[in-house]
Amino acid sequence: MRINNNILVQVIGMLGIISSLIFVGLEMRQTQKIAIAGQQQARSALGNTVILSMNNIGVDVQSIYFEGKKKSDLSLEEIALRNTAHIAWFLYENDFYQFQQGLMDEETWNAKVVAMKALFNNCPVRSIVVTRKPTFSKHLKALIESFPDECVSLD
């Protein structure tokens, strides 16, 4: 069976075009993932900037913003601790998204989970994650809910 050279060249050309389109599609998908991850990171950074500005003037974000109190009776150290916990949860939420999108390696992610567990079990600031959890994705909520609760015995 003899194949016409013209047909063979056309088939090879079509395969090349199809391969190129697949590659371009994969690149576009990766670029979109990175762009969305960048948006997530920008939202996290904005939240952190707001909290830091509140912290600089001694305002407890949890009391004022989330609990609707006009004034907080907390010390500056307590305010800083609570505001820092909010910042950390913004970072962990962003880290979770980055990991889910394949933009963070497993070893780094595992270290983040250890730090998340430690913050979750920092009993004086547990109320922060309880307040923030409804805003997290269902998968991040499930991860947090899988952590052993070391604050229960302290109640």
C-alpha atoms as a PDB file:
ATOM      1  CA  MET A   1       0.000   0.000   0.000  1.00  0.00           C
ATOM      2  CA  ARG A   2       1.444   3.261  -1.106  1.00  0.00           C
ATOM      3  CA  ILE A   3       0.640   6.578   0.617  1.00  0.00           C
ATOM      4  CA  ASN A   4       0.646   9.732  -1.413  1.00  0.00           C
ATOM      5  CA  ASN A   5       3.365  12.108  -0.157  1.00  0.00           C
ATOM      6  CA  ASN A   6       0.939  15.026  -0.320  1.00  0.00           C
ATOM      7  CA  ILE A   7      -1.530  13.242   1.991  1.00  0.00           C
ATOM      8  CA  LEU A   8       1.270  12.286   4.387  1.00  0.00           C
ATOM      9  CA  VAL A   9       2.456  15.903   4.596  1.00  0.00           C
ATOM     10  CA  GLN A  10      -1.129  17.089   5.218  1.00  0.00           C
ATOM     11  CA  VAL A  11      -1.645  14.523   8.004  1.00  0.00           C
ATOM     12  CA  ILE A  12       1.645  15.475   9.666  1.00  0.00           C
ATOM     13  CA  GLY A  13       0.712  19.156   9.337  1.00  0.00           C
ATOM     14  CA  MET A  14      -2.709  18.565  10.911  1.00  0.00           C
ATOM     15  CA  LEU A  15      -1.144  16.619  13.779  1.00  0.00           C
ATOM     16  CA  GLY A  16       1.260  19.511  14.335  1.00  0.00           C
ATOM     17  CA  ILE A  17      -1.585  22.029  14.405  1.00  0.00           C
ATOM     18  CA  ILE A  18      -3.646  19.879  16.783  1.00  0.00           C
ATOM     19  CA  SER A  19      -0.641  19.440  19.087  1.00  0.00           C
ATOM     20  CA  SER A  20      -0.010  23.180  19.056  1.00  0.00           C
ATOM     21  CA  LEU A  21      -3.644  23.929  19.915  1.00  0.00           C
ATOM     22  CA  ILE A  22      -3.572  21.460  22.801  1.00  0.00           C
ATOM     23  CA  PHE A  23      -0.371  23.045  24.100  1.00  0.00           C
ATOM     24  CA  VAL A  24      -1.811  26.573  23.795  1.00  0.00           C
ATOM     25  CA  GLY A  25      -4.976  25.436  25.593  1.00  0.00           C
ATOM     26  CA  LEU A  26      -2.958  23.983  28.455  1.00  0.00           C
ATOM     27  CA  GLU A  27      -0.869  27.143  28.680  1.00  0.00           C
ATOM     28  CA  MET A  28      -4.018  29.293  28.768  1.00  0.00           C
ATOM     29  CA  ARG A  29      -5.458  27.125  31.523  1.00  0.00           C
ATOM     30  CA  GLN A  30      -2.252  27.458  33.566  1.00  0.00           C
ATOM     31  CA  THR A  31      -2.187  31.224  32.979  1.00  0.00           C
ATOM     32  CA  GLN A  32      -5.803  31.480  34.134  1.00  0.00           C
ATOM     33  CA  LYS A  33      -4.986  29.484  37.290  1.00  0.00           C
ATOM     34  CA  ILE A  34      -2.101  31.799  38.065  1.00  0.00           C
ATOM     35  CA  ALA A  35      -4.223  34.908  37.405  1.00  0.00           C
ATOM     36  CA  ILE A  36      -7.005  33.703  39.707  1.00  0.00           C
ATOM     37  CA  ALA A  37      -4.439  32.782  42.363  1.00  0.00           C
ATOM     38  CA  GLY A  38      -3.026  36.295  42.010  1.00  0.00           C
ATOM     39  CA  GLN A  39      -6.488  37.759  42.611  1.00  0.00           C
ATOM     40  CA  GLN A  40      -6.891  35.568  45.704  1.00  0.00           C
ATOM     41  CA  GLN A  41      -3.512  36.723  46.975  1.00  0.00           C
ATOM     42  CA  ALA A  42      -4.410  40.378  46.325  1.00  0.00           C
ATOM     43  CA  ARG A  43      -7.621  40.010  48.362  1.00  0.00           C
ATOM     44  CA  SER A  44      -5.629  38.443  51.178  1.00  0.00           C
ATOM     45  CA  ALA A  45      -3.064  41.247  51.061  1.00  0.00           C
ATOM     46  CA  LEU A  46      -5.810  43.882  51.140  1.00  0.00           C
ATOM     47  CA  GLY A  47      -7.398  42.264  54.190  1.00  0.00           C
ATOM     48  CA  ASN A  48      -4.018  42.163  55.901  1.00  0.00           C
ATOM     49  CA  THR A  49      -3.364  45.820  55.078  1.00  0.00           C
ATOM     50  CA  VAL A  50      -6.685  46.845  56.616  1.00  0.00           C
ATOM     51  CA  ILE A  51      -6.018  44.807  59.749  1.00  0.00           C
ATOM     52  CA  LEU A  52      -2.485  46.194  60.096  1.00  0.00           C
ATOM     53  CA  SER A  53      -3.783  49.760  59.783  1.00  0.00           C
ATOM     54  CA  MET A  54      -6.354  49.049  62.488  1.00  0.00           C
ATOM     55  CA  ASN A  55      -3.671  47.448  64.634  1.00  0.00           C
ATOM     56  CA  ASN A  56      -1.480  50.554  64.290  1.00  0.00           C
ATOM     57  CA  ILE A  57      -4.177  52.668  65.943  1.00  0.00           C
ATOM     58  CA  GLY A  58      -5.039  50.072  68.598  1.00  0.00           C
ATOM     59  CA  VAL A  59      -8.323  48.854  67.097  1.00  0.00           C
ATOM     60  CA  ASP A  60      -9.331  45.217  67.596  1.00  0.00           C
ATOM     61  CA  VAL A  61     -10.795  44.099  64.268  1.00  0.00           C
ATOM     62  CA  GLN A  62     -12.649  41.194  65.886  1.00  0.00           C
ATOM     63  CA  SER A  63     -14.460  43.417  68.396  1.00  0.00           C
ATOM     64  CA  ILE A  64     -15.243  46.337  66.116  1.00  0.00           C
ATOM     65  CA  TYR A  65     -15.820  44.744  62.722  1.00  0.00           C
ATOM     66  CA  PHE A  66     -17.002  41.226  63.444  1.00  0.00           C
ATOM     67  CA  GLU A  67     -18.746  41.685  66.801  1.00  0.00           C
ATOM     68  CA  GLY A  68     -20.064  45.223  66.193  1.00  0.00           C
ATOM     69  CA  LYS A  69     -18.769  46.688  69.444  1.00  0.00           C
ATOM     70  CA  LYS A  70     -17.999  50.390  69.522  1.00  0.00           C
ATOM     71  CA  LYS A  71     -15.088  49.978  71.901  1.00  0.00           C
ATOM     72  CA  SER A  72     -12.834  47.181  73.060  1.00  0.00           C
ATOM     73  CA  ASP A  73     -11.619  46.750  76.636  1.00  0.00           C
ATOM     74  CA  LEU A  74      -8.614  44.722  75.521  1.00  0.00           C
ATOM     75  CA  SER A  75      -4.987  45.631  76.126  1.00  0.00           C
ATOM     76  CA  LEU A  76      -2.815  46.603  73.167  1.00  0.00           C
ATOM     77  CA  GLU A  77      -1.098  43.207  73.451  1.00  0.00           C
ATOM     78  CA  GLU A  78      -4.432  41.362  73.281  1.00  0.00           C
ATOM     79  CA  ILE A  79      -5.497  43.478  70.312  1.00  0.00           C
ATOM     80  CA  ALA A  80      -2.220  42.750  68.525  1.00  0.00           C
ATOM     81  CA  LEU A  81      -2.607  39.011  69.192  1.00  0.00           C
ATOM     82  CA  ARG A  82      -6.169  38.928  67.864  1.00  0.00           C
ATOM     83  CA  ASN A  83      -5.358  41.063  64.815  1.00  0.00           C
ATOM     84  CA  THR A  84      -2.335  38.883  64.079  1.00  0.00           C
ATOM     85  CA  ALA A  85      -4.577  35.808  64.220  1.00  0.00           C
ATOM     86  CA  HIS A  86      -6.858  37.399  61.606  1.00  0.00           C
ATOM     87  CA  ILE A  87      -3.850  38.111  59.397  1.00  0.00           C
ATOM     88  CA  ALA A  88      -2.631  34.530  59.787  1.00  0.00           C
ATOM     89  CA  TRP A  89      -6.033  33.126  58.769  1.00  0.00           C
ATOM     90  CA  PHE A  90      -6.023  35.362  55.668  1.00  0.00           C
ATOM     91  CA  LEU A  91      -2.600  33.944  54.814  1.00  0.00           C
ATOM     92  CA  TYR A  92      -3.659  30.343  55.462  1.00  0.00           C
ATOM     93  CA  GLU A  93      -6.785  30.783  53.359  1.00  0.00           C
ATOM     94  CA  ASN A  94      -4.605  32.029  50.510  1.00  0.00           C
ATOM     95  CA  ASP A  95      -2.072  29.234  51.063  1.00  0.00           C
ATOM     96  CA  PHE A  96      -4.864  26.666  50.906  1.00  0.00           C
ATOM     97  CA  TYR A  97      -6.042  28.052  47.582  1.00  0.00           C
ATOM     98  CA  GLN A  98      -2.499  28.120  46.187  1.00  0.00           C
ATOM     99  CA  PHE A  99      -1.972  24.495  47.231  1.00  0.00           C
ATOM    100  CA  GLN A 100      -5.277  23.360  45.735  1.00  0.00           C
ATOM    101  CA  GLN A 101      -4.303  24.960  42.435  1.00  0.00           C
ATOM    102  CA  GLY A 102      -0.980  23.115  42.408  1.00  0.00           C
ATOM    103  CA  LEU A 103       1.008  26.303  42.995  1.00  0.00           C
ATOM    104  CA  MET A 104       2.569  25.175  46.292  1.00  0.00           C
ATOM    105  CA  ASP A 105       4.653  22.061  46.868  1.00  0.00           C
ATOM    106  CA  GLU A 106       3.610  19.347  49.329  1.00  0.00           C
ATOM    107  CA  GLU A 107       6.437  19.960  51.817  1.00  0.00           C
ATOM    108  CA  THR A 108       5.617  23.662  52.145  1.00  0.00           C
ATOM    109  CA  TRP A 109       1.912  22.870  52.433  1.00  0.00           C
ATOM    110  CA  ASN A 110       2.528  20.327  55.208  1.00  0.00           C
ATOM    111  CA  ALA A 111       4.446  22.963  57.163  1.00  0.00           C
ATOM    112  CA  LYS A 112       1.513  25.360  56.717  1.00  0.00           C
ATOM    113  CA  VAL A 113      -0.905  22.739  58.065  1.00  0.00           C
ATOM    114  CA  VAL A 114       1.253  22.300  61.188  1.00  0.00           C
ATOM    115  CA  ALA A 115       1.177  26.074  61.729  1.00  0.00           C
ATOM    116  CA  MET A 116      -2.600  26.160  61.127  1.00  0.00           C
ATOM    117  CA  LYS A 117      -3.132  23.457  63.760  1.00  0.00           C
ATOM    118  CA  ALA A 118      -1.043  25.449  66.228  1.00  0.00           C
ATOM    119  CA  LEU A 119      -3.067  28.612  65.593  1.00  0.00           C
ATOM    120  CA  PHE A 120      -6.334  26.675  65.771  1.00  0.00           C
ATOM    121  CA  ASN A 121      -5.270  25.402  69.195  1.00  0.00           C
ATOM    122  CA  ASN A 122      -4.122  28.801  70.450  1.00  0.00           C
ATOM    123  CA  CYS A 123      -7.119  28.984  72.759  1.00  0.00           C
ATOM    124  CA  PRO A 124      -7.119  32.752  73.484  1.00  0.00           C
ATOM    125  CA  VAL A 125      -7.678  33.427  69.762  1.00  0.00           C
ATOM    126  CA  ARG A 126      -9.951  30.484  68.914  1.00  0.00           C
ATOM    127  CA  SER A 127     -12.860  32.918  68.487  1.00  0.00           C
ATOM    128  CA  ILE A 128     -11.092  34.365  65.440  1.00  0.00           C
ATOM    129  CA  VAL A 129     -11.243  31.148  63.410  1.00  0.00           C
ATOM    130  CA  VAL A 130     -14.790  30.501  64.619  1.00  0.00           C
ATOM    131  CA  THR A 131     -15.762  33.924  63.246  1.00  0.00           C
ATOM    132  CA  ARG A 132     -13.839  33.509  60.000  1.00  0.00           C
ATOM    133  CA  LYS A 133     -14.744  29.878  59.236  1.00  0.00           C
ATOM    134  CA  PRO A 134     -18.074  30.690  57.529  1.00  0.00           C
ATOM    135  CA  THR A 135     -16.132  32.674  54.922  1.00  0.00           C
ATOM    136  CA  PHE A 136     -13.773  29.786  54.093  1.00  0.00           C
ATOM    137  CA  SER A 137     -14.294  27.263  51.309  1.00  0.00           C
ATOM    138  CA  LYS A 138     -15.940  24.001  52.335  1.00  0.00           C
ATOM    139  CA  HIS A 139     -12.656  22.142  51.806  1.00  0.00           C
ATOM    140  CA  LEU A 140     -10.702  24.494  54.078  1.00  0.00           C
ATOM    141  CA  LYS A 141     -13.473  24.250  56.690  1.00  0.00           C
ATOM    142  CA  ALA A 142     -13.262  20.456  56.519  1.00  0.00           C
ATOM    143  CA  LEU A 143      -9.497  20.591  57.013  1.00  0.00           C
ATOM    144  CA  ILE A 144      -9.844  22.867  60.045  1.00  0.00           C
ATOM    145  CA  GLU A 145     -12.597  20.688  61.490  1.00  0.00           C
ATOM    146  CA  SER A 146     -10.280  17.663  61.195  1.00  0.00           C
ATOM    147  CA  PHE A 147      -7.774  19.225  63.612  1.00  0.00           C
ATOM    148  CA  PRO A 148      -7.732  17.789  67.138  1.00  0.00           C
ATOM    149  CA  ASP A 149      -9.308  20.318  69.501  1.00  0.00           C
ATOM    150  CA  GLU A 150      -6.940  20.977  72.392  1.00  0.00           C
ATOM    151  CA  CYS A 151      -9.065  23.849  73.726  1.00  0.00           C
ATOM    152  CA  VAL A 152     -12.076  21.676  74.643  1.00  0.00           C
ATOM    153  CA  SER A 153     -10.552  20.474  77.898  1.00  0.00           C
ATOM    154  CA  LEU A 154      -9.825  24.068  78.894  1.00  0.00           C
ATOM    155  CA  ASP A 155     -13.441  25.277  78.686  1.00  0.00           C
END
